[in-house]
């Protein structure tokens, strides 16, 4: 088995787990389950040499996948999450360590 991660902002998933829509169901249906942990992220969202630091709490979904891992399926779930949660992009770390920002 291999492991991948999808990271979503806390404000779209919520602490009460009711705002996850079909996202968690999709992970369970596709891969059998997940572990959700909380983290903190920050990045520079500025432009034209202007720094604008963004900070947010995040939820990290860690998922075990049987080999061969279906990257298309992972990307499709992340793309749907970006769309459902109105995100510019969703952070995905694939099983091989490659990072992808998946847009709707």
C-alpha atoms as a PDB file:
ATOM      1  CA  UNK A   1       0.000   0.000   0.000  1.00  0.00           C
ATOM      2  CA  UNK A   2       0.945   3.617  -0.489  1.00  0.00           C
ATOM      3  CA  UNK A   3      -0.221   6.782   1.234  1.00  0.00           C
ATOM      4  CA  UNK A   4      -1.427  10.107  -0.159  1.00  0.00           C
ATOM      5  CA  UNK A   5      -2.736  13.292   1.455  1.00  0.00           C
ATOM      6  CA  UNK A   6      -5.330  15.901   0.561  1.00  0.00           C
ATOM      7  CA  UNK A   7      -5.340  19.143   2.556  1.00  0.00           C
ATOM      8  CA  UNK A   8      -8.456  21.303   2.919  1.00  0.00           C
ATOM      9  CA  UNK A   9      -8.922  24.568   4.844  1.00  0.00           C
ATOM     10  CA  UNK A  10     -10.686  24.239   8.195  1.00  0.00           C
ATOM     11  CA  UNK A  11     -13.249  26.879   7.284  1.00  0.00           C
ATOM     12  CA  UNK A  12     -14.665  24.702   4.486  1.00  0.00           C
ATOM     13  CA  UNK A  13     -14.781  21.423   6.406  1.00  0.00           C
ATOM     14  CA  UNK A  14     -15.652  22.668   9.882  1.00  0.00           C
ATOM     15  CA  UNK A  15     -15.023  21.081  13.258  1.00  0.00           C
ATOM     16  CA  UNK A  16     -18.442  19.448  13.402  1.00  0.00           C
ATOM     17  CA  UNK A  17     -17.785  17.378  10.256  1.00  0.00           C
ATOM     18  CA  UNK A  18     -21.124  18.387   8.698  1.00  0.00           C
ATOM     19  CA  UNK A  19     -19.697  20.521   5.876  1.00  0.00           C
ATOM     20  CA  UNK A  20     -17.679  17.796   4.226  1.00  0.00           C
ATOM     21  CA  UNK A  21     -20.403  17.103   1.666  1.00  0.00           C
ATOM     22  CA  UNK A  22     -19.629  14.015  -0.350  1.00  0.00           C
ATOM     23  CA  UNK A  23     -15.865  14.456   0.032  1.00  0.00           C
ATOM     24  CA  UNK A  24     -15.391  12.013   2.906  1.00  0.00           C
ATOM     25  CA  UNK A  25     -17.906   9.586   1.410  1.00  0.00           C
ATOM     26  CA  UNK A  26     -15.969   9.735  -1.883  1.00  0.00           C
ATOM     27  CA  UNK A  27     -12.700   8.911  -0.089  1.00  0.00           C
ATOM     28  CA  UNK A  28     -14.293   5.983   1.731  1.00  0.00           C
ATOM     29  CA  UNK A  29     -15.960   4.682  -1.434  1.00  0.00           C
ATOM     30  CA  UNK A  30     -12.778   4.958  -3.489  1.00  0.00           C
ATOM     31  CA  UNK A  31     -10.142   3.869  -0.959  1.00  0.00           C
ATOM     32  CA  UNK A  32     -11.916   2.319   2.039  1.00  0.00           C
ATOM     33  CA  UNK A  33     -11.242   5.053   4.598  1.00  0.00           C
ATOM     34  CA  UNK A  34      -9.050   7.931   5.769  1.00  0.00           C
ATOM     35  CA  UNK A  35      -7.534   9.580   8.822  1.00  0.00           C
ATOM     36  CA  UNK A  36      -8.267  13.273   9.354  1.00  0.00           C
ATOM     37  CA  UNK A  37      -5.874  15.389  11.397  1.00  0.00           C
ATOM     38  CA  UNK A  38      -5.649  19.113  12.007  1.00  0.00           C
ATOM     39  CA  UNK A  39      -2.736  21.302  10.956  1.00  0.00           C
ATOM     40  CA  UNK A  40      -1.742  24.879  10.257  1.00  0.00           C
ATOM     41  CA  UNK A  41      -0.581  26.373   6.988  1.00  0.00           C
ATOM     42  CA  UNK A  42       0.781  29.702   5.785  1.00  0.00           C
ATOM     43  CA  UNK A  43       1.896  31.085   2.429  1.00  0.00           C
ATOM     44  CA  UNK A  44       2.672  34.330   0.626  1.00  0.00           C
ATOM     45  CA  UNK A  45      -0.396  35.365  -1.377  1.00  0.00           C
ATOM     46  CA  UNK A  46       1.023  38.703  -2.489  1.00  0.00           C
ATOM     47  CA  UNK A  47       1.886  39.937  -5.949  1.00  0.00           C
ATOM     48  CA  UNK A  48       4.274  42.395  -7.602  1.00  0.00           C
ATOM     49  CA  UNK A  49       6.883  42.180  -4.820  1.00  0.00           C
ATOM     50  CA  UNK A  50       4.214  42.831  -2.179  1.00  0.00           C
ATOM     51  CA  UNK A  51       4.097  40.302   0.656  1.00  0.00           C
ATOM     52  CA  UNK A  52       0.700  39.240   1.953  1.00  0.00           C
ATOM     53  CA  UNK A  53       0.881  36.333   4.372  1.00  0.00           C
ATOM     54  CA  UNK A  54      -2.179  34.092   4.551  1.00  0.00           C
ATOM     55  CA  UNK A  55      -2.624  31.732   7.499  1.00  0.00           C
ATOM     56  CA  UNK A  56      -5.255  29.099   8.164  1.00  0.00           C
ATOM     57  CA  UNK A  57      -6.075  25.964  10.051  1.00  0.00           C
ATOM     58  CA  UNK A  58      -6.301  22.944   7.783  1.00  0.00           C
ATOM     59  CA  UNK A  59      -7.584  19.394   7.831  1.00  0.00           C
ATOM     60  CA  UNK A  60      -5.201  16.796   6.459  1.00  0.00           C
ATOM     61  CA  UNK A  61      -6.792  13.685   4.995  1.00  0.00           C
ATOM     62  CA  UNK A  62      -4.324  10.792   4.950  1.00  0.00           C
ATOM     63  CA  UNK A  63      -5.431   7.889   2.796  1.00  0.00           C
ATOM     64  CA  UNK A  64      -3.928   4.454   2.191  1.00  0.00           C
ATOM     65  CA  UNK A  65      -4.270   3.171  -1.373  1.00  0.00           C
ATOM     66  CA  UNK A  66      -3.596  -0.224  -2.883  1.00  0.00           C
ATOM     67  CA  UNK A  67      -1.003  -0.429  -5.633  1.00  0.00           C
ATOM     68  CA  UNK A  68      -1.088   0.432  -8.430  1.00  0.00           C
ATOM     69  CA  UNK A  69      -2.336   3.767  -7.147  1.00  0.00           C
ATOM     70  CA  UNK A  70      -4.924   5.468  -9.351  1.00  0.00           C
ATOM     71  CA  UNK A  71      -3.670   9.068  -9.549  1.00  0.00           C
ATOM     72  CA  UNK A  72      -6.552   9.971 -11.841  1.00  0.00           C
ATOM     73  CA  UNK A  73      -9.030   8.949  -9.138  1.00  0.00           C
ATOM     74  CA  UNK A  74      -7.163  10.969  -6.491  1.00  0.00           C
ATOM     75  CA  UNK A  75      -7.063  14.041  -8.731  1.00  0.00           C
ATOM     76  CA  UNK A  76     -10.751  13.665  -9.611  1.00  0.00           C
ATOM     77  CA  UNK A  77     -11.733  13.592  -5.911  1.00  0.00           C
ATOM     78  CA  UNK A  78      -9.502  16.611  -5.180  1.00  0.00           C
ATOM     79  CA  UNK A  79     -10.932  18.504  -8.167  1.00  0.00           C
ATOM     80  CA  UNK A  80     -14.463  17.868  -6.986  1.00  0.00           C
ATOM     81  CA  UNK A  81     -13.528  19.049  -3.469  1.00  0.00           C
ATOM     82  CA  UNK A  82     -12.037  22.254  -4.905  1.00  0.00           C
ATOM     83  CA  UNK A  83     -15.272  22.836  -6.781  1.00  0.00           C
ATOM     84  CA  UNK A  84     -17.634  21.861  -3.938  1.00  0.00           C
ATOM     85  CA  UNK A  85     -15.747  23.963  -1.371  1.00  0.00           C
ATOM     86  CA  UNK A  86     -15.196  26.916  -3.747  1.00  0.00           C
ATOM     87  CA  UNK A  87     -11.392  26.726  -3.504  1.00  0.00           C
ATOM     88  CA  UNK A  88      -8.922  28.115  -6.021  1.00  0.00           C
ATOM     89  CA  UNK A  89      -6.932  24.895  -5.557  1.00  0.00           C
ATOM     90  CA  UNK A  90      -6.619  21.889  -3.259  1.00  0.00           C
ATOM     91  CA  UNK A  91      -3.225  20.629  -2.074  1.00  0.00           C
ATOM     92  CA  UNK A  92      -2.517  16.977  -2.913  1.00  0.00           C
ATOM     93  CA  UNK A  93       0.614  15.042  -2.007  1.00  0.00           C
ATOM     94  CA  UNK A  94       0.721  11.931  -4.142  1.00  0.00           C
ATOM     95  CA  UNK A  95       2.148   8.601  -3.026  1.00  0.00           C
ATOM     96  CA  UNK A  96       5.450   9.249  -4.790  1.00  0.00           C
ATOM     97  CA  UNK A  97       5.904  12.560  -2.929  1.00  0.00           C
ATOM     98  CA  UNK A  98       4.905  14.769  -5.869  1.00  0.00           C
ATOM     99  CA  UNK A  99       2.773  17.743  -4.835  1.00  0.00           C
ATOM    100  CA  UNK A 100      -0.024  19.062  -7.021  1.00  0.00           C
ATOM    101  CA  UNK A 101      -2.374  22.010  -6.596  1.00  0.00           C
ATOM    102  CA  UNK A 102      -5.640  20.754  -8.110  1.00  0.00           C
ATOM    103  CA  UNK A 103      -8.061  23.376  -9.415  1.00  0.00           C
ATOM    104  CA  UNK A 104     -11.794  22.921  -9.971  1.00  0.00           C
END
